Amino acid sequence: MKMSVKQRRARRRIDQPATALRNRNRKDPERARRDSRMVQKLRAGKLPYTQTVMSWLSAKLDKKASKITPDDVKALME
């Protein structure tokens, strides 16, 4: 039996919170591991960092990668 669009949307609205919780339980530890990896890379190098590190810094500092200064990195590390 086919399901209408309205029924699919209703089911998705019901299932979405449970799915988000399940995904969160998997993603939180990975975020912590990624943060520790990035901090190690920050300690090992200096500006300009690799694209991966700059992207992570940009998200953490809420700044464009081109606007990140060594002082910003130092403040984040403290």
N, C-alpha and C. Protein backbone atom coordinates (compact mmCIF):
# COMPACT_ATOMS: atom_id res chain seq x y z
N MET A 1 0.84 -1.19 0.00
CA MET A 1 0.00 0.00 0.00
C MET A 1 0.87 1.24 0.00
N LYS A 2 0.53 2.18 -0.84
CA LYS A 2 1.31 3.39 -0.95
C LYS A 2 1.02 4.34 0.22
N MET A 3 2.04 5.13 0.52
CA MET A 3 1.92 6.10 1.60
C MET A 3 1.84 7.49 0.97
N SER A 4 0.94 8.30 1.47
CA SER A 4 0.80 9.64 0.92
C SER A 4 1.95 10.53 1.42
N VAL A 5 2.11 11.64 0.75
CA VAL A 5 3.14 12.59 1.15
C VAL A 5 2.86 13.09 2.56
N LYS A 6 1.63 13.33 2.87
CA LYS A 6 1.24 13.80 4.20
C LYS A 6 1.62 12.76 5.26
N GLN A 7 1.38 11.50 4.98
CA GLN A 7 1.73 10.44 5.93
C GLN A 7 3.24 10.31 6.10
N ARG A 8 3.97 10.42 4.99
CA ARG A 8 5.44 10.36 5.07
C ARG A 8 6.00 11.50 5.91
N ARG A 9 5.47 12.68 5.70
CA ARG A 9 5.94 13.84 6.47
C ARG A 9 5.60 13.70 7.95
N ALA A 10 4.43 13.16 8.24
CA ALA A 10 4.05 12.95 9.64
C ALA A 10 4.97 11.92 10.28
N ARG A 11 5.26 10.85 9.58
CA ARG A 11 6.15 9.81 10.11
C ARG A 11 7.56 10.38 10.33
N ARG A 12 8.01 11.18 9.37
CA ARG A 12 9.35 11.78 9.50
C ARG A 12 9.42 12.71 10.70
N ARG A 13 8.36 13.50 10.92
CA ARG A 13 8.31 14.41 12.07
C ARG A 13 8.38 13.64 13.38
N ILE A 14 7.78 12.47 13.42
CA ILE A 14 7.79 11.64 14.62
C ILE A 14 9.14 10.97 14.81
N ASP A 15 9.72 10.46 13.72
CA ASP A 15 10.99 9.72 13.80
C ASP A 15 12.21 10.61 13.96
N GLN A 16 12.12 11.85 13.56
CA GLN A 16 13.28 12.73 13.52
C GLN A 16 13.94 12.94 14.88
N PRO A 17 13.22 13.22 15.96
CA PRO A 17 13.90 13.42 17.25
C PRO A 17 14.67 12.18 17.73
N ALA A 18 14.11 11.00 17.53
CA ALA A 18 14.79 9.77 17.95
C ALA A 18 16.05 9.55 17.12
N THR A 19 15.97 9.82 15.83
CA THR A 19 17.13 9.66 14.96
C THR A 19 18.22 10.66 15.34
N ALA A 20 17.84 11.89 15.63
CA ALA A 20 18.81 12.90 16.01
C ALA A 20 19.53 12.51 17.30
N LEU A 21 18.82 11.94 18.25
CA LEU A 21 19.43 11.50 19.50
C LEU A 21 20.41 10.36 19.25
N ARG A 22 20.01 9.40 18.43
CA ARG A 22 20.90 8.28 18.10
C ARG A 22 22.17 8.77 17.42
N ASN A 23 22.01 9.68 16.48
CA ASN A 23 23.17 10.22 15.77
C ASN A 23 24.06 11.04 16.69
N ARG A 24 23.45 11.78 17.61
CA ARG A 24 24.22 12.60 18.54
C ARG A 24 25.11 11.73 19.42
N ASN A 25 24.59 10.60 19.86
CA ASN A 25 25.37 9.70 20.70
C ASN A 25 26.60 9.17 19.96
N ARG A 26 26.53 9.06 18.65
CA ARG A 26 27.68 8.62 17.86
C ARG A 26 28.62 9.78 17.53
N LYS A 27 28.06 10.96 17.29
CA LYS A 27 28.86 12.07 16.80
C LYS A 27 29.61 12.82 17.89
N ASP A 28 29.07 12.88 19.10
CA ASP A 28 29.74 13.62 20.18
C ASP A 28 31.13 13.09 20.47
N PRO A 29 31.32 11.77 20.63
CA PRO A 29 32.69 11.28 20.86
C PRO A 29 33.61 11.56 19.67
N GLU A 30 33.10 11.49 18.46
CA GLU A 30 33.93 11.77 17.29
C GLU A 30 34.34 13.23 17.26
N ARG A 31 33.45 14.13 17.65
CA ARG A 31 33.81 15.55 17.72
C ARG A 31 34.93 15.78 18.72
N ALA A 32 34.87 15.11 19.85
CA ALA A 32 35.92 15.24 20.87
C ALA A 32 37.26 14.73 20.33
N ARG A 33 37.23 13.60 19.62
CA ARG A 33 38.47 13.07 19.03
C ARG A 33 39.02 14.03 17.98
N ARG A 34 38.14 14.60 17.18
CA ARG A 34 38.58 15.54 16.15
C ARG A 34 39.19 16.78 16.80
N ASP A 35 38.57 17.30 17.85
CA ASP A 35 39.11 18.46 18.55
C ASP A 35 40.51 18.18 19.07
N SER A 36 40.72 17.01 19.65
CA SER A 36 42.05 16.70 20.19
C SER A 36 43.08 16.57 19.07
N ARG A 37 42.69 15.99 17.93
CA ARG A 37 43.60 15.89 16.79
C ARG A 37 43.98 17.27 16.27
N MET A 38 43.00 18.16 16.17
CA MET A 38 43.26 19.50 15.65
C MET A 38 44.16 20.29 16.60
N VAL A 39 43.94 20.16 17.89
CA VAL A 39 44.79 20.86 18.86
C VAL A 39 46.22 20.37 18.76
N GLN A 40 46.42 19.07 18.56
CA GLN A 40 47.77 18.53 18.39
C GLN A 40 48.43 19.14 17.14
N LYS A 41 47.67 19.26 16.07
CA LYS A 41 48.22 19.84 14.85
C LYS A 41 48.53 21.32 15.04
N LEU A 42 47.71 22.02 15.83
CA LEU A 42 47.97 23.43 16.11
C LEU A 42 49.28 23.59 16.88
N ARG A 43 49.50 22.72 17.85
CA ARG A 43 50.72 22.80 18.65
C ARG A 43 51.95 22.46 17.83
N ALA A 44 51.80 21.62 16.83
CA ALA A 44 52.94 21.17 16.04
C ALA A 44 53.35 22.18 14.96
N GLY A 45 52.45 23.03 14.52
CA GLY A 45 52.75 23.90 13.39
C GLY A 45 52.52 25.37 13.69
N LYS A 46 52.48 26.15 12.63
CA LYS A 46 52.19 27.57 12.74
C LYS A 46 51.44 28.00 11.47
N LEU A 47 50.88 29.18 11.52
CA LEU A 47 50.13 29.68 10.37
C LEU A 47 51.02 29.74 9.14
N PRO A 48 50.56 29.45 7.97
CA PRO A 48 49.25 28.91 7.63
C PRO A 48 49.20 27.40 7.84
N TYR A 49 48.11 26.95 8.39
CA TYR A 49 47.89 25.52 8.64
C TYR A 49 47.28 24.88 7.40
N THR A 50 47.09 23.58 7.46
CA THR A 50 46.44 22.87 6.35
C THR A 50 44.98 23.30 6.26
N GLN A 51 44.37 22.99 5.14
CA GLN A 51 42.98 23.37 4.90
C GLN A 51 42.05 22.80 5.97
N THR A 52 42.30 21.57 6.39
CA THR A 52 41.46 20.93 7.40
C THR A 52 41.51 21.69 8.71
N VAL A 53 42.70 22.04 9.13
CA VAL A 53 42.88 22.76 10.39
C VAL A 53 42.28 24.16 10.29
N MET A 54 42.49 24.82 9.17
CA MET A 54 41.93 26.17 8.99
C MET A 54 40.41 26.15 9.00
N SER A 55 39.83 25.14 8.41
CA SER A 55 38.37 25.01 8.42
C SER A 55 37.86 24.81 9.84
N TRP A 56 38.54 23.97 10.59
CA TRP A 56 38.16 23.72 11.99
C TRP A 56 38.31 24.99 12.80
N LEU A 57 39.43 25.70 12.63
CA LEU A 57 39.64 26.96 13.34
C LEU A 57 38.57 27.98 12.98
N SER A 58 38.24 28.05 11.72
CA SER A 58 37.23 28.99 11.27
C SER A 58 35.89 28.73 11.96
N ALA A 59 35.53 27.46 12.09
CA ALA A 59 34.27 27.11 12.75
C ALA A 59 34.34 27.43 14.25
N LYS A 60 35.48 27.13 14.88
CA LYS A 60 35.62 27.37 16.32
C LYS A 60 35.65 28.85 16.65
N LEU A 61 36.33 29.65 15.81
CA LEU A 61 36.48 31.07 16.09
C LEU A 61 35.38 31.91 15.47
N ASP A 62 34.56 31.29 14.62
CA ASP A 62 33.50 32.00 13.91
C ASP A 62 34.07 33.18 13.11
N LYS A 63 35.15 32.89 12.39
CA LYS A 63 35.82 33.87 11.54
C LYS A 63 36.17 33.22 10.22
N LYS A 64 36.35 34.04 9.20
CA LYS A 64 36.86 33.53 7.93
C LYS A 64 38.30 33.08 8.15
N ALA A 65 38.70 32.06 7.44
CA ALA A 65 40.06 31.53 7.59
C ALA A 65 41.11 32.59 7.27
N SER A 66 40.83 33.46 6.33
CA SER A 66 41.80 34.49 5.95
C SER A 66 41.97 35.55 7.03
N LYS A 67 41.03 35.63 7.95
CA LYS A 67 41.07 36.65 9.00
C LYS A 67 41.65 36.12 10.31
N ILE A 68 42.02 34.85 10.36
CA ILE A 68 42.55 34.26 11.59
C ILE A 68 44.00 34.68 11.77
N THR A 69 44.31 35.15 12.98
CA THR A 69 45.66 35.60 13.30
C THR A 69 46.29 34.65 14.31
N PRO A 70 47.61 34.71 14.46
CA PRO A 70 48.27 33.88 15.49
C PRO A 70 47.74 34.16 16.89
N ASP A 71 47.33 35.41 17.17
CA ASP A 71 46.77 35.72 18.48
C ASP A 71 45.44 35.00 18.71
N ASP A 72 44.64 34.87 17.66
CA ASP A 72 43.38 34.12 17.78
C ASP A 72 43.65 32.67 18.13
N VAL A 73 44.65 32.09 17.48
CA VAL A 73 45.00 30.68 17.73
C VAL A 73 45.50 30.53 19.15
N LYS A 74 46.34 31.47 19.58
CA LYS A 74 46.89 31.41 20.93
C LYS A 74 45.77 31.51 21.98
N ALA A 75 44.80 32.38 21.74
CA ALA A 75 43.67 32.53 22.67
C ALA A 75 42.83 31.26 22.72
N LEU A 76 42.67 30.60 21.60
CA LEU A 76 41.90 29.37 21.56
C LEU A 76 42.61 28.25 22.33
N MET A 77 43.93 28.24 22.25
CA MET A 77 44.72 27.18 22.89
C MET A 77 44.72 27.31 24.42
N GLU A 78 44.49 28.51 24.93
CA GLU A 78 44.52 28.71 26.38
C GLU A 78 43.28 28.28 27.07
